[in-house]
PDB file of N, CA and C in Angstrom:
ATOM      1  N   MET A   1     335.187 103.190  37.012  1.00  0.00           N
ATOM      2  CA  MET A   1     334.849 101.832  37.375  1.00  0.00           C
ATOM      3  C   MET A   1     336.122 101.035  37.695  1.00  0.00           C
ATOM      4  N   ILE A   2     337.195 101.188  36.975  1.00  0.00           N
ATOM      5  CA  ILE A   2     338.458 100.525  37.250  1.00  0.00           C
ATOM      6  C   ILE A   2     338.964 100.999  38.589  1.00  0.00           C
ATOM      7  N   GLU A   3     338.836 102.314  38.883  1.00  0.00           N
ATOM      8  CA  GLU A   3     339.298 102.813  40.157  1.00  0.00           C
ATOM      9  C   GLU A   3     338.490 102.213  41.302  1.00  0.00           C
ATOM     10  N   ALA A   4     337.225 102.016  41.118  1.00  0.00           N
ATOM     11  CA  ALA A   4     336.381 101.421  42.164  1.00  0.00           C
ATOM     12  C   ALA A   4     336.757  99.980  42.410  1.00  0.00           C
ATOM     13  N   ALA A   5     337.065  99.252  41.353  1.00  0.00           N
ATOM     14  CA  ALA A   5     337.518  97.875  41.469  1.00  0.00           C
ATOM     15  C   ALA A   5     338.832  97.765  42.211  1.00  0.00           C
ATOM     16  N   VAL A   6     339.749  98.636  41.964  1.00  0.00           N
ATOM     17  CA  VAL A   6     341.020  98.656  42.629  1.00  0.00           C
ATOM     18  C   VAL A   6     340.813  98.952  44.101  1.00  0.00           C
ATOM     19  N   THR A   7     339.977  99.901  44.424  1.00  0.00           N
ATOM     20  CA  THR A   7     339.690 100.273  45.801  1.00  0.00           C
ATOM     21  C   THR A   7     339.098  99.108  46.555  1.00  0.00           C
ATOM     22  N   ILE A   8     338.169  98.412  45.946  1.00  0.00           N
ATOM     23  CA  ILE A   8     337.547  97.255  46.612  1.00  0.00           C
ATOM     24  C   ILE A   8     338.588  96.181  46.830  1.00  0.00           C
ATOM     25  N   ARG A   9     339.429  95.954  45.817  1.00  0.00           N
ATOM     26  CA  ARG A   9     340.478  94.937  45.918  1.00  0.00           C
ATOM     27  C   ARG A   9     341.476  95.336  47.037  1.00  0.00           C
ATOM     28  N   GLU A  10     341.853  96.590  47.084  1.00  0.00           N
ATOM     29  CA  GLU A  10     342.777  97.057  48.142  1.00  0.00           C
ATOM     30  C   GLU A  10     342.173  96.840  49.507  1.00  0.00           C
ATOM     31  N   LYS A  11     340.898  97.177  49.670  1.00  0.00           N
ATOM     32  CA  LYS A  11     340.227  96.988  50.925  1.00  0.00           C
ATOM     33  C   LYS A  11     340.189  95.541  51.356  1.00  0.00           C
ATOM     34  N   THR A  12     339.934  94.656  50.418  1.00  0.00           N
ATOM     35  CA  THR A  12     339.921  93.216  50.685  1.00  0.00           C
ATOM     36  C   THR A  12     341.280  92.749  51.120  1.00  0.00           C
ATOM     37  N   VAL A  13     342.333  93.174  50.387  1.00  0.00           N
ATOM     38  CA  VAL A  13     343.687  92.785  50.725  1.00  0.00           C
ATOM     39  C   VAL A  13     344.069  93.327  52.122  1.00  0.00           C
ATOM     40  N   MET A  14     343.723  94.526  52.414  1.00  0.00           N
ATOM     41  CA  MET A  14     344.026  95.123  53.709  1.00  0.00           C
ATOM     42  C   MET A  14     343.299  94.378  54.862  1.00  0.00           C
ATOM     43  N   LYS A  15     342.053  93.987  54.627  1.00  0.00           N
ATOM     44  CA  LYS A  15     341.321  93.230  55.627  1.00  0.00           C
ATOM     45  C   LYS A  15     341.999  91.859  55.871  1.00  0.00           C
ATOM     46  N   ALA A  16     342.416  91.234  54.790  1.00  0.00           N
ATOM     47  CA  ALA A  16     343.125  89.946  54.903  1.00  0.00           C
ATOM     48  C   ALA A  16     344.430  90.074  55.685  1.00  0.00           C
ATOM     49  N   ILE A  17     345.155  91.155  55.400  1.00  0.00           N
ATOM     50  CA  ILE A  17     346.397  91.389  56.121  1.00  0.00           C
ATOM     51  C   ILE A  17     346.123  91.618  57.596  1.00  0.00           C
ATOM     52  N   HIS A  18     345.104  92.364  57.933  1.00  0.00           N
ATOM     53  CA  HIS A  18     344.752  92.611  59.319  1.00  0.00           C
ATOM     54  C   HIS A  18     344.361  91.329  60.040  1.00  0.00           C
ATOM     55  N   VAL A  19     343.612  90.480  59.364  1.00  0.00           N
ATOM     56  CA  VAL A  19     343.245  89.181  59.936  1.00  0.00           C
ATOM     57  C   VAL A  19     344.476  88.303  60.232  1.00  0.00           C
ATOM     58  N   VAL A  20     345.368  88.267  59.295  1.00  0.00           N
ATOM     59  CA  VAL A  20     346.598  87.477  59.461  1.00  0.00           C
ATOM     60  C   VAL A  20     347.407  88.019  60.601  1.00  0.00           C
ATOM     61  N   LEU A  21     347.594  89.359  60.643  1.00  0.00           N
ATOM     62  CA  LEU A  21     348.368  89.976  61.748  1.00  0.00           C
ATOM     63  C   LEU A  21     347.719  89.713  63.103  1.00  0.00           C
ATOM     64  N   ALA A  22     346.422  89.841  63.161  1.00  0.00           N
ATOM     65  CA  ALA A  22     345.734  89.606  64.410  1.00  0.00           C
ATOM     66  C   ALA A  22     345.893  88.169  64.884  1.00  0.00           C
ATOM     67  N   THR A  23     345.824  87.236  63.949  1.00  0.00           N
ATOM     68  CA  THR A  23     346.017  85.816  64.273  1.00  0.00           C
ATOM     69  C   THR A  23     347.406  85.559  64.789  1.00  0.00           C
ATOM     70  N   VAL A  24     348.415  86.124  64.145  1.00  0.00           N
ATOM     71  CA  VAL A  24     349.784  85.914  64.580  1.00  0.00           C
ATOM     72  C   VAL A  24     349.994  86.547  65.983  1.00  0.00           C
ATOM     73  N   LEU A  25     349.461  87.729  66.203  1.00  0.00           N
ATOM     74  CA  LEU A  25     349.618  88.376  67.508  1.00  0.00           C
ATOM     75  C   LEU A  25     348.939  87.609  68.639  1.00  0.00           C
ATOM     76  N   VAL A  26     347.836  86.965  68.307  1.00  0.00           N
ATOM     77  CA  VAL A  26     347.141  86.155  69.329  1.00  0.00           C
ATOM     78  C   VAL A  26     347.895  84.851  69.579  1.00  0.00           C
ATOM     79  N   ALA A  27     348.383  84.227  68.509  1.00  0.00           N
ATOM     80  CA  ALA A  27     349.015  82.904  68.651  1.00  0.00           C
ATOM     81  C   ALA A  27     350.437  82.998  69.190  1.00  0.00           C
ATOM     82  N   LEU A  28     351.138  84.056  68.965  1.00  0.00           N
ATOM     83  CA  LEU A  28     352.546  84.139  69.357  1.00  0.00           C
ATOM     84  C   LEU A  28     352.804  83.944  70.849  1.00  0.00           C
ATOM     85  N   PRO A  29     352.061  84.592  71.772  1.00  0.00           N
ATOM     86  CA  PRO A  29     352.323  84.316  73.170  1.00  0.00           C
ATOM     87  C   PRO A  29     352.032  82.861  73.572  1.00  0.00           C
ATOM     88  N   THR A  30     351.043  82.238  72.950  1.00  0.00           N
ATOM     89  CA  THR A  30     350.688  80.856  73.207  1.00  0.00           C
ATOM     90  C   THR A  30     351.857  79.939  72.812  1.00  0.00           C
ATOM     91  N   ILE A  31     352.447  80.203  71.654  1.00  0.00           N
ATOM     92  CA  ILE A  31     353.557  79.391  71.188  1.00  0.00           C
ATOM     93  C   ILE A  31     354.739  79.544  72.124  1.00  0.00           C
ATOM     94  N   GLY A  32     355.005  80.737  72.589  1.00  0.00           N
ATOM     95  CA  GLY A  32     356.125  81.020  73.476  1.00  0.00           C
ATOM     96  C   GLY A  32     355.996  80.303  74.800  1.00  0.00           C
ATOM     97  N   THR A  33     354.805  80.244  75.365  1.00  0.00           N
ATOM     98  CA  THR A  33     354.625  79.607  76.665  1.00  0.00           C
ATOM     99  C   THR A  33     354.703  78.078  76.590  1.00  0.00           C
ATOM    100  N   ALA A  34     354.506  77.526  75.397  1.00  0.00           N
ATOM    101  CA  ALA A  34     354.573  76.072  75.274  1.00  0.00           C
ATOM    102  C   ALA A  34     355.994  75.555  75.261  1.00  0.00           C
ATOM    103  N   GLN A  35     356.959  76.415  75.177  1.00  0.00           N
ATOM    104  CA  GLN A  35     358.348  75.988  75.105  1.00  0.00           C
ATOM    105  C   GLN A  35     359.022  76.181  76.456  1.00  0.00           C
ATOM    106  N   THR A  36     360.011  75.376  76.682  1.00  0.00           N
ATOM    107  CA  THR A  36     360.807  75.567  77.900  1.00  0.00           C
ATOM    108  C   THR A  36     361.853  76.654  77.630  1.00  0.00           C
ATOM    109  N   ASN A  37     362.319  77.236  78.699  1.00  0.00           N
ATOM    110  CA  ASN A  37     363.331  78.314  78.478  1.00  0.00           C
ATOM    111  C   ASN A  37     364.667  77.680  78.048  1.00  0.00           C
ATOM    112  N   ARG A  38     365.522  78.536  77.549  1.00  0.00           N
ATOM    113  CA  ARG A  38     366.796  78.062  76.956  1.00  0.00           C
ATOM    114  C   ARG A  38     367.657  77.358  78.017  1.00  0.00           C
ATOM    115  N   TYR A  39     367.803  77.950  79.208  1.00  0.00           N
ATOM    116  CA  TYR A  39     368.624  77.323  80.239  1.00  0.00           C
ATOM    117  C   TYR A  39     368.080  75.936  80.575  1.00  0.00           C
ATOM    118  N   GLU A  40     366.769  75.879  80.687  1.00  0.00           N
ATOM    119  CA  GLU A  40     366.148  74.599  81.079  1.00  0.00           C
ATOM    120  C   GLU A  40     366.458  73.502  80.070  1.00  0.00           C
ATOM    121  N   ARG A  41     366.304  73.820  78.766  1.00  0.00           N
ATOM    122  CA  ARG A  41     366.588  72.814  77.736  1.00  0.00           C
ATOM    123  C   ARG A  41     368.036  72.377  77.762  1.00  0.00           C
ATOM    124  N   HIS A  42     368.958  73.362  77.829  1.00  0.00           N
ATOM    125  CA  HIS A  42     370.357  73.015  77.761  1.00  0.00           C
ATOM    126  C   HIS A  42     370.859  72.307  79.042  1.00  0.00           C
ATOM    127  N   HIS A  43     370.322  72.703  80.206  1.00  0.00           N
ATOM    128  CA  HIS A  43     370.730  72.067  81.452  1.00  0.00           C
ATOM    129  C   HIS A  43     370.301  70.609  81.486  1.00  0.00           C
ATOM    130  N   ILE A  44     369.065  70.379  81.191  1.00  0.00           N
ATOM    131  CA  ILE A  44     368.561  68.989  81.241  1.00  0.00           C
ATOM    132  C   ILE A  44     369.197  68.123  80.196  1.00  0.00           C
ATOM    133  N   SER A  45     369.261  68.602  78.964  1.00  0.00           N
ATOM    134  CA  SER A  45     369.886  67.807  77.884  1.00  0.00           C
ATOM    135  C   SER A  45     371.371  67.672  78.115  1.00  0.00           C
ATOM    136  N   GLY A  46     372.031  68.687  78.704  1.00  0.00           N
ATOM    137  CA  GLY A  46     373.430  68.615  79.002  1.00  0.00           C
ATOM    138  C   GLY A  46     373.718  67.526  80.029  1.00  0.00           C
ATOM    139  N   ARG A  47     372.897  67.438  81.013  1.00  0.00           N
ATOM    140  CA  ARG A  47     373.068  66.390  82.048  1.00  0.00           C
ATOM    141  C   ARG A  47     372.942  65.007  81.404  1.00  0.00           C
ATOM    142  N   LYS A  48     371.963  64.851  80.512  1.00  0.00           N
ATOM    143  CA  LYS A  48     371.769  63.579  79.836  1.00  0.00           C
ATOM    144  C   LYS A  48     373.022  63.174  79.045  1.00  0.00           C
ATOM    145  N   VAL A  49     373.510  64.163  78.287  1.00  0.00           N
ATOM    146  CA  VAL A  49     374.718  63.898  77.472  1.00  0.00           C
ATOM    147  C   VAL A  49     375.903  63.554  78.347  1.00  0.00           C
ATOM    148  N   ASP A  50     376.118  64.302  79.408  1.00  0.00           N
ATOM    149  CA  ASP A  50     377.225  64.053  80.300  1.00  0.00           C
ATOM    150  C   ASP A  50     377.149  62.650  80.909  1.00  0.00           C
ATOM    151  N   GLN A  51     375.982  62.295  81.382  1.00  0.00           N
ATOM    152  CA  GLN A  51     375.821  60.996  82.036  1.00  0.00           C
ATOM    153  C   GLN A  51     375.985  59.834  81.029  1.00  0.00           C
ATOM    154  N   GLN A  52     375.473  60.014  79.802  1.00  0.00           N
ATOM    155  CA  GLN A  52     375.643  58.993  78.781  1.00  0.00           C
ATOM    156  C   GLN A  52     377.141  58.839  78.459  1.00  0.00           C
ATOM    157  N   GLY A  53     377.823  59.961  78.453  1.00  0.00           N
ATOM    158  CA  GLY A  53     379.278  59.933  78.188  1.00  0.00           C
ATOM    159  C   GLY A  53     380.028  59.225  79.299  1.00  0.00           C
ATOM    160  N   ARG A  54     379.615  59.445  80.528  1.00  0.00           N
ATOM    161  CA  ARG A  54     380.266  58.769  81.672  1.00  0.00           C
ATOM    162  C   ARG A  54     380.029  57.243  81.609  1.00  0.00           C
ATOM    163  N   ILE A  55     378.835  56.895  81.201  1.00  0.00           N
ATOM    164  CA  ILE A  55     378.505  55.439  81.077  1.00  0.00           C
ATOM    165  C   ILE A  55     379.373  54.850  79.943  1.00  0.00           C
ATOM    166  N   ALA A  56     379.393  55.549  78.791  1.00  0.00           N
ATOM    167  CA  ALA A  56     380.201  55.029  77.651  1.00  0.00           C
ATOM    168  C   ALA A  56     381.660  54.901  78.027  1.00  0.00           C
ATOM    169  N   GLN A  57     382.197  55.885  78.777  1.00  0.00           N
ATOM    170  CA  GLN A  57     383.591  55.833  79.174  1.00  0.00           C
ATOM    171  C   GLN A  57     383.830  54.655  80.119  1.00  0.00           C
ATOM    172  N   GLY A  58     382.842  54.406  81.011  1.00  0.00           N
ATOM    173  CA  GLY A  58     382.954  53.245  81.914  1.00  0.00           C
ATOM    174  C   GLY A  58     382.957  51.932  81.198  1.00  0.00           C
ATOM    175  N   VAL A  59     382.166  51.853  80.111  1.00  0.00           N
ATOM    176  CA  VAL A  59     382.140  50.624  79.324  1.00  0.00           C
ATOM    177  C   VAL A  59     383.479  50.459  78.599  1.00  0.00           C
ATOM    178  N   LYS A  60     383.932  51.532  77.985  1.00  0.00           N
ATOM    179  CA  LYS A  60     385.193  51.488  77.218  1.00  0.00           C
ATOM    180  C   LYS A  60     386.375  51.136  78.101  1.00  0.00           C
ATOM    181  N   SER A  61     386.408  51.664  79.283  1.00  0.00           N
ATOM    182  CA  SER A  61     387.540  51.414  80.186  1.00  0.00           C
ATOM    183  C   SER A  61     387.407  50.094  80.927  1.00  0.00           C
ATOM    184  N   GLY A  62     386.255  49.459  80.861  1.00  0.00           N
ATOM    185  CA  GLY A  62     386.046  48.203  81.565  1.00  0.00           C
ATOM    186  C   GLY A  62     385.604  48.401  83.024  1.00  0.00           C
ATOM    187  N   GLN A  63     385.328  49.629  83.446  1.00  0.00           N
ATOM    188  CA  GLN A  63     384.925  49.875  84.805  1.00  0.00           C
ATOM    189  C   GLN A  63     383.479  49.423  85.041  1.00  0.00           C
ATOM    190  N   LEU A  64     382.690  49.295  83.978  1.00  0.00           N
ATOM    191  CA  LEU A  64     381.311  48.904  84.131  1.00  0.00           C
ATOM    192  C   LEU A  64     381.115  47.532  83.493  1.00  0.00           C
ATOM    193  N   THR A  65     380.422  46.646  84.244  1.00  0.00           N
ATOM    194  CA  THR A  65     380.085  45.341  83.690  1.00  0.00           C
ATOM    195  C   THR A  65     378.866  45.508  82.794  1.00  0.00           C
ATOM    196  N   ALA A  66     378.542  44.439  82.035  1.00  0.00           N
ATOM    197  CA  ALA A  66     377.403  44.486  81.137  1.00  0.00           C
ATOM    198  C   ALA A  66     376.112  44.678  81.958  1.00  0.00           C
ATOM    199  N   GLY A  67     376.014  43.989  83.086  1.00  0.00           N
ATOM    200  CA  GLY A  67     374.810  44.146  83.926  1.00  0.00           C
ATOM    201  C   GLY A  67     374.682  45.542  84.477  1.00  0.00           C
ATOM    202  N   GLU A  68     375.770  46.119  84.965  1.00  0.00           N
ATOM    203  CA  GLU A  68     375.738  47.472  85.481  1.00  0.00           C
ATOM    204  C   GLU A  68     375.326  48.488  84.392  1.00  0.00           C
ATOM    205  N   THR A  69     375.874  48.270  83.211  1.00  0.00           N
ATOM    206  CA  THR A  69     375.566  49.142  82.095  1.00  0.00           C
ATOM    207  C   THR A  69     374.091  49.054  81.720  1.00  0.00           C
ATOM    208  N   ALA A  70     373.586  47.840  81.652  1.00  0.00           N
ATOM    209  CA  ALA A  70     372.180  47.663  81.310  1.00  0.00           C
ATOM    210  C   ALA A  70     371.270  48.332  82.348  1.00  0.00           C
ATOM    211  N   LYS A  71     371.601  48.154  83.624  1.00  0.00           N
ATOM    212  CA  LYS A  71     370.785  48.751  84.683  1.00  0.00           C
ATOM    213  C   LYS A  71     370.833  50.283  84.611  1.00  0.00           C
ATOM    214  N   LEU A  72     372.017  50.840  84.363  1.00  0.00           N
ATOM    215  CA  LEU A  72     372.151  52.300  84.268  1.00  0.00           C
ATOM    216  C   LEU A  72     371.393  52.816  83.058  1.00  0.00           C
ATOM    217  N   GLU A  73     371.458  52.121  81.933  1.00  0.00           N
ATOM    218  CA  GLU A  73     370.746  52.553  80.730  1.00  0.00           C
ATOM    219  C   GLU A  73     369.237  52.471  80.957  1.00  0.00           C
ATOM    220  N   HIS A  74     368.810  51.462  81.651  1.00  0.00           N
ATOM    221  CA  HIS A  74     367.382  51.319  81.991  1.00  0.00           C
ATOM    222  C   HIS A  74     366.922  52.480  82.825  1.00  0.00           C
ATOM    223  N   GLN A  75     367.713  52.885  83.827  1.00  0.00           N
ATOM    224  CA  GLN A  75     367.366  54.019  84.699  1.00  0.00           C
ATOM    225  C   GLN A  75     367.316  55.323  83.852  1.00  0.00           C
ATOM    226  N   GLU A  76     368.249  55.496  82.949  1.00  0.00           N
ATOM    227  CA  GLU A  76     368.265  56.676  82.096  1.00  0.00           C
ATOM    228  C   GLU A  76     367.018  56.714  81.235  1.00  0.00           C
ATOM    229  N   ARG A  77     366.613  55.609  80.679  1.00  0.00           N
ATOM    230  CA  ARG A  77     365.379  55.547  79.881  1.00  0.00           C
ATOM    231  C   ARG A  77     364.177  55.929  80.718  1.00  0.00           C
ATOM    232  N   GLY A  78     364.137  55.454  81.948  1.00  0.00           N
ATOM    233  CA  GLY A  78     363.011  55.817  82.844  1.00  0.00           C
ATOM    234  C   GLY A  78     362.921  57.279  83.133  1.00  0.00           C
ATOM    235  N   ILE A  79     364.059  57.918  83.358  1.00  0.00           N
ATOM    236  CA  ILE A  79     364.115  59.374  83.600  1.00  0.00           C
ATOM    237  C   ILE A  79     363.620  60.126  82.348  1.00  0.00           C
ATOM    238  N   ASN A  80     364.079  59.667  81.160  1.00  0.00           N
ATOM    239  CA  ASN A  80     363.653  60.313  79.909  1.00  0.00           C
ATOM    240  C   ASN A  80     362.158  60.156  79.682  1.00  0.00           C
ATOM    241  N   GLN A  81     361.623  58.973  79.980  1.00  0.00           N
ATOM    242  CA  GLN A  81     360.190  58.774  79.821  1.00  0.00           C
ATOM    243  C   GLN A  81     359.411  59.651  80.778  1.00  0.00           C
ATOM    244  N   GLU A  82     359.885  59.782  82.012  1.00  0.00           N
ATOM    245  CA  GLU A  82     359.201  60.600  82.943  1.00  0.00           C
ATOM    246  C   GLU A  82     359.217  62.074  82.505  1.00  0.00           C
ATOM    247  N   GLU A  83     360.355  62.484  81.978  1.00  0.00           N
ATOM    248  CA  GLU A  83     360.414  63.912  81.480  1.00  0.00           C
ATOM    249  C   GLU A  83     359.415  64.112  80.364  1.00  0.00           C
ATOM    250  N   ARG A  84     359.344  63.167  79.400  1.00  0.00           N
ATOM    251  CA  ARG A  84     358.363  63.297  78.311  1.00  0.00           C
ATOM    252  C   ARG A  84     356.961  63.370  78.863  1.00  0.00           C
ATOM    253  N   GLY A  85     356.674  62.561  79.864  1.00  0.00           N
ATOM    254  CA  GLY A  85     355.336  62.612  80.468  1.00  0.00           C
ATOM    255  C   GLY A  85     355.013  63.940  81.128  1.00  0.00           C
ATOM    256  N   MET A  86     356.022  64.465  81.835  1.00  0.00           N
ATOM    257  CA  MET A  86     355.853  65.791  82.488  1.00  0.00           C
ATOM    258  C   MET A  86     355.600  66.859  81.453  1.00  0.00           C
ATOM    259  N   ARG A  87     356.374  66.809  80.390  1.00  0.00           N
ATOM    260  CA  ARG A  87     356.183  67.833  79.328  1.00  0.00           C
ATOM    261  C   ARG A  87     354.821  67.691  78.675  1.00  0.00           C
ATOM    262  N   ALA A  88     354.357  66.487  78.468  1.00  0.00           N
ATOM    263  CA  ALA A  88     353.067  66.271  77.830  1.00  0.00           C
ATOM    264  C   ALA A  88     351.915  66.842  78.698  1.00  0.00           C
ATOM    265  N   GLU A  89     352.092  66.769  79.981  1.00  0.00           N
ATOM    266  CA  GLU A  89     351.045  67.323  80.887  1.00  0.00           C
ATOM    267  C   GLU A  89     350.947  68.821  80.829  1.00  0.00           C
ATOM    268  N   ASP A  90     352.036  69.527  80.479  1.00  0.00           N
ATOM    269  CA  ASP A  90     352.057  70.986  80.491  1.00  0.00           C
ATOM    270  C   ASP A  90     352.451  71.559  79.109  1.00  0.00           C
ATOM    271  N   ASN A  91     351.955  70.934  78.022  1.00  0.00           N
ATOM    272  CA  ASN A  91     352.183  71.464  76.671  1.00  0.00           C
ATOM    273  C   ASN A  91     353.639  71.709  76.355  1.00  0.00           C
ATOM    274  N   GLY A  92     354.525  70.807  76.677  1.00  0.00           N
ATOM    275  CA  GLY A  92     355.923  70.933  76.372  1.00  0.00           C
ATOM    276  C   GLY A  92     356.743  71.684  77.394  1.00  0.00           C
ATOM    277  N   HIS A  93     356.131  72.134  78.447  1.00  0.00           N
ATOM    278  CA  HIS A  93     356.791  72.917  79.478  1.00  0.00           C
ATOM    279  C   HIS A  93     357.049  72.082  80.720  1.00  0.00           C
ATOM    280  N   LEU A  94     358.127  72.367  81.408  1.00  0.00           N
ATOM    281  CA  LEU A  94     358.386  71.739  82.697  1.00  0.00           C
ATOM    282  C   LEU A  94     358.168  72.776  83.778  1.00  0.00           C
ATOM    283  N   THR A  95     357.397  72.401  84.786  1.00  0.00           N
ATOM    284  CA  THR A  95     357.201  73.287  85.905  1.00  0.00           C
ATOM    285  C   THR A  95     358.439  73.269  86.799  1.00  0.00           C
ATOM    286  N   ALA A  96     358.500  74.192  87.724  1.00  0.00           N
ATOM    287  CA  ALA A  96     359.620  74.241  88.660  1.00  0.00           C
ATOM    288  C   ALA A  96     359.725  72.943  89.444  1.00  0.00           C
ATOM    289  N   GLN A  97     358.583  72.389  89.831  1.00  0.00           N
ATOM    290  CA  GLN A  97     358.574  71.131  90.552  1.00  0.00           C
ATOM    291  C   GLN A  97     359.076  69.990  89.670  1.00  0.00           C
ATOM    292  N   ASP A  98     358.688  70.003  88.386  1.00  0.00           N
ATOM    293  CA  ASP A  98     359.171  68.985  87.430  1.00  0.00           C
ATOM    294  C   ASP A  98     360.717  69.058  87.337  1.00  0.00           C
ATOM    295  N   ARG A  99     361.226  70.250  87.186  1.00  0.00           N
ATOM    296  CA  ARG A  99     362.670  70.445  87.053  1.00  0.00           C
ATOM    297  C   ARG A  99     363.392  69.957  88.335  1.00  0.00           C
ATOM    298  N   HIS A 100     362.777  70.263  89.486  1.00  0.00           N
ATOM    299  CA  HIS A 100     363.387  69.814  90.763  1.00  0.00           C
ATOM    300  C   HIS A 100     363.371  68.291  90.813  1.00  0.00           C
ATOM    301  N   THR A 101     362.262  67.652  90.439  1.00  0.00           N
ATOM    302  CA  THR A 101     362.170  66.210  90.477  1.00  0.00           C
ATOM    303  C   THR A 101     363.194  65.574  89.547  1.00  0.00           C
ATOM    304  N   LEU A 102     363.277  66.119  88.300  1.00  0.00           N
ATOM    305  CA  LEU A 102     364.237  65.567  87.328  1.00  0.00           C
ATOM    306  C   LEU A 102     365.666  65.743  87.829  1.00  0.00           C
ATOM    307  N   ALA A 103     365.956  66.910  88.397  1.00  0.00           N
ATOM    308  CA  ALA A 103     367.340  67.142  88.894  1.00  0.00           C
ATOM    309  C   ALA A 103     367.675  66.151  90.009  1.00  0.00           C
ATOM    310  N   ALA A 104     366.741  65.879  90.895  1.00  0.00           N
ATOM    311  CA  ALA A 104     366.971  64.931  91.954  1.00  0.00           C
ATOM    312  C   ALA A 104     367.229  63.519  91.362  1.00  0.00           C
ATOM    313  N   GLN A 105     366.418  63.145  90.363  1.00  0.00           N
ATOM    314  CA  GLN A 105     366.592  61.844  89.740  1.00  0.00           C
ATOM    315  C   GLN A 105     367.975  61.771  88.982  1.00  0.00           C
ATOM    316  N   GLN A 106     368.338  62.840  88.343  1.00  0.00           N
ATOM    317  CA  GLN A 106     369.623  62.841  87.654  1.00  0.00           C
ATOM    318  C   GLN A 106     370.777  62.821  88.637  1.00  0.00           C
ATOM    319  N   ASN A 107     370.617  63.487  89.789  1.00  0.00           N
ATOM    320  CA  ASN A 107     371.646  63.401  90.827  1.00  0.00           C
ATOM    321  C   ASN A 107     371.797  61.991  91.335  1.00  0.00           C
ATOM    322  N   GLN A 108     370.682  61.321  91.552  1.00  0.00           N
ATOM    323  CA  GLN A 108     370.730  59.931  92.027  1.00  0.00           C
ATOM    324  C   GLN A 108     371.362  59.047  91.000  1.00  0.00           C
ATOM    325  N   GLU A 109     371.052  59.263  89.702  1.00  0.00           N
ATOM    326  CA  GLU A 109     371.637  58.436  88.633  1.00  0.00           C
ATOM    327  C   GLU A 109     373.141  58.734  88.552  1.00  0.00           C
ATOM    328  N   SER A 110     373.535  59.953  88.773  1.00  0.00           N
ATOM    329  CA  SER A 110     374.962  60.275  88.738  1.00  0.00           C
ATOM    330  C   SER A 110     375.712  59.539  89.848  1.00  0.00           C
ATOM    331  N   ARG A 111     375.104  59.438  91.019  1.00  0.00           N
ATOM    332  CA  ARG A 111     375.718  58.705  92.122  1.00  0.00           C
ATOM    333  C   ARG A 111     375.816  57.200  91.796  1.00  0.00           C
ATOM    334  N   ARG A 112     374.775  56.670  91.112  1.00  0.00           N
ATOM    335  CA  ARG A 112     374.827  55.267  90.706  1.00  0.00           C
ATOM    336  C   ARG A 112     375.960  55.028  89.723  1.00  0.00           C
ATOM    337  N   ILE A 113     376.111  55.924  88.769  1.00  0.00           N
ATOM    338  CA  ILE A 113     377.214  55.779  87.796  1.00  0.00           C
ATOM    339  C   ILE A 113     378.524  55.770  88.497  1.00  0.00           C
ATOM    340  N   TYR A 114     378.737  56.719  89.384  1.00  0.00           N
ATOM    341  CA  TYR A 114     380.007  56.774  90.123  1.00  0.00           C
ATOM    342  C   TYR A 114     380.239  55.497  90.919  1.00  0.00           C
ATOM    343  N   ARG A 115     379.208  55.078  91.672  1.00  0.00           N
ATOM    344  CA  ARG A 115     379.332  53.910  92.549  1.00  0.00           C
ATOM    345  C   ARG A 115     379.645  52.664  91.682  1.00  0.00           C
ATOM    346  N   ASP A 116     378.947  52.491  90.561  1.00  0.00           N
ATOM    347  CA  ASP A 116     379.195  51.311  89.716  1.00  0.00           C
ATOM    348  C   ASP A 116     380.585  51.375  89.072  1.00  0.00           C
ATOM    349  N   LYS A 117     381.035  52.529  88.692  1.00  0.00           N
ATOM    350  CA  LYS A 117     382.327  52.650  88.071  1.00  0.00           C
ATOM    351  C   LYS A 117     383.484  52.413  89.068  1.00  0.00           C
ATOM    352  N   HIS A 118     383.229  52.620  90.345  1.00  0.00           N
ATOM    353  CA  HIS A 118     384.276  52.520  91.333  1.00  0.00           C
ATOM    354  C   HIS A 118     384.074  51.384  92.360  1.00  0.00           C
ATOM    355  N   ASN A 119     383.263  50.382  92.000  1.00  0.00           N
ATOM    356  CA  ASN A 119     382.988  49.308  92.953  1.00  0.00           C
ATOM    357  C   ASN A 119     383.947  48.117  92.806  1.00  0.00           C
ATOM    358  N   GLY A 120     384.906  48.225  91.897  1.00  0.00           N
ATOM    359  CA  GLY A 120     385.910  47.150  91.785  1.00  0.00           C
ATOM    360  C   GLY A 120     385.445  45.976  90.958  1.00  0.00           C
ATOM    361  N   ASN A 121     384.331  46.074  90.326  1.00  0.00           N
ATOM    362  CA  ASN A 121     383.816  44.944  89.466  1.00  0.00           C
ATOM    363  C   ASN A 121     384.311  45.111  88.036  1.00  0.00           C
ATOM    364  N   ALA A 122     385.554  45.477  87.872  1.00  0.00           N
ATOM    365  CA  ALA A 122     386.120  45.679  86.517  1.00  0.00           C
ATOM    366  C   ALA A 122     386.053  44.382  85.714  1.00  0.00           C
ATOM    367  N   GLN A 123     385.893  44.567  84.438  1.00  0.00           N
ATOM    368  CA  GLN A 123     385.799  43.396  83.516  1.00  0.00           C
ATOM    369  C   GLN A 123     387.162  42.897  83.156  1.00  0.00           C
TER     370      GLN A 123
END
């Protein structure tokens, strides 16, 4: 009788293990597709960091006026909000078109930073 109880318990544990493994195997690909790839995350966040650094340097050096800084920061916030919206539409993922759009916006923002820093409106 003790041997039968152990066998039933072992079968129950094995079934539970199989259910957990099956669940993990089904969920794992879904979790992976919800994330952006490593290059994508580092490239986009790297651009943000670089541009924020350029703005901060412009403020520190006096190359950017308060108004220019406010406008640049406002544009940066808009790009960040758009990125969050794009990710929300695709479960945390950015499509190739999304990445292209964000890159174009970041390029335009980079040109604005350069133009504002070099327009002679030093403080």
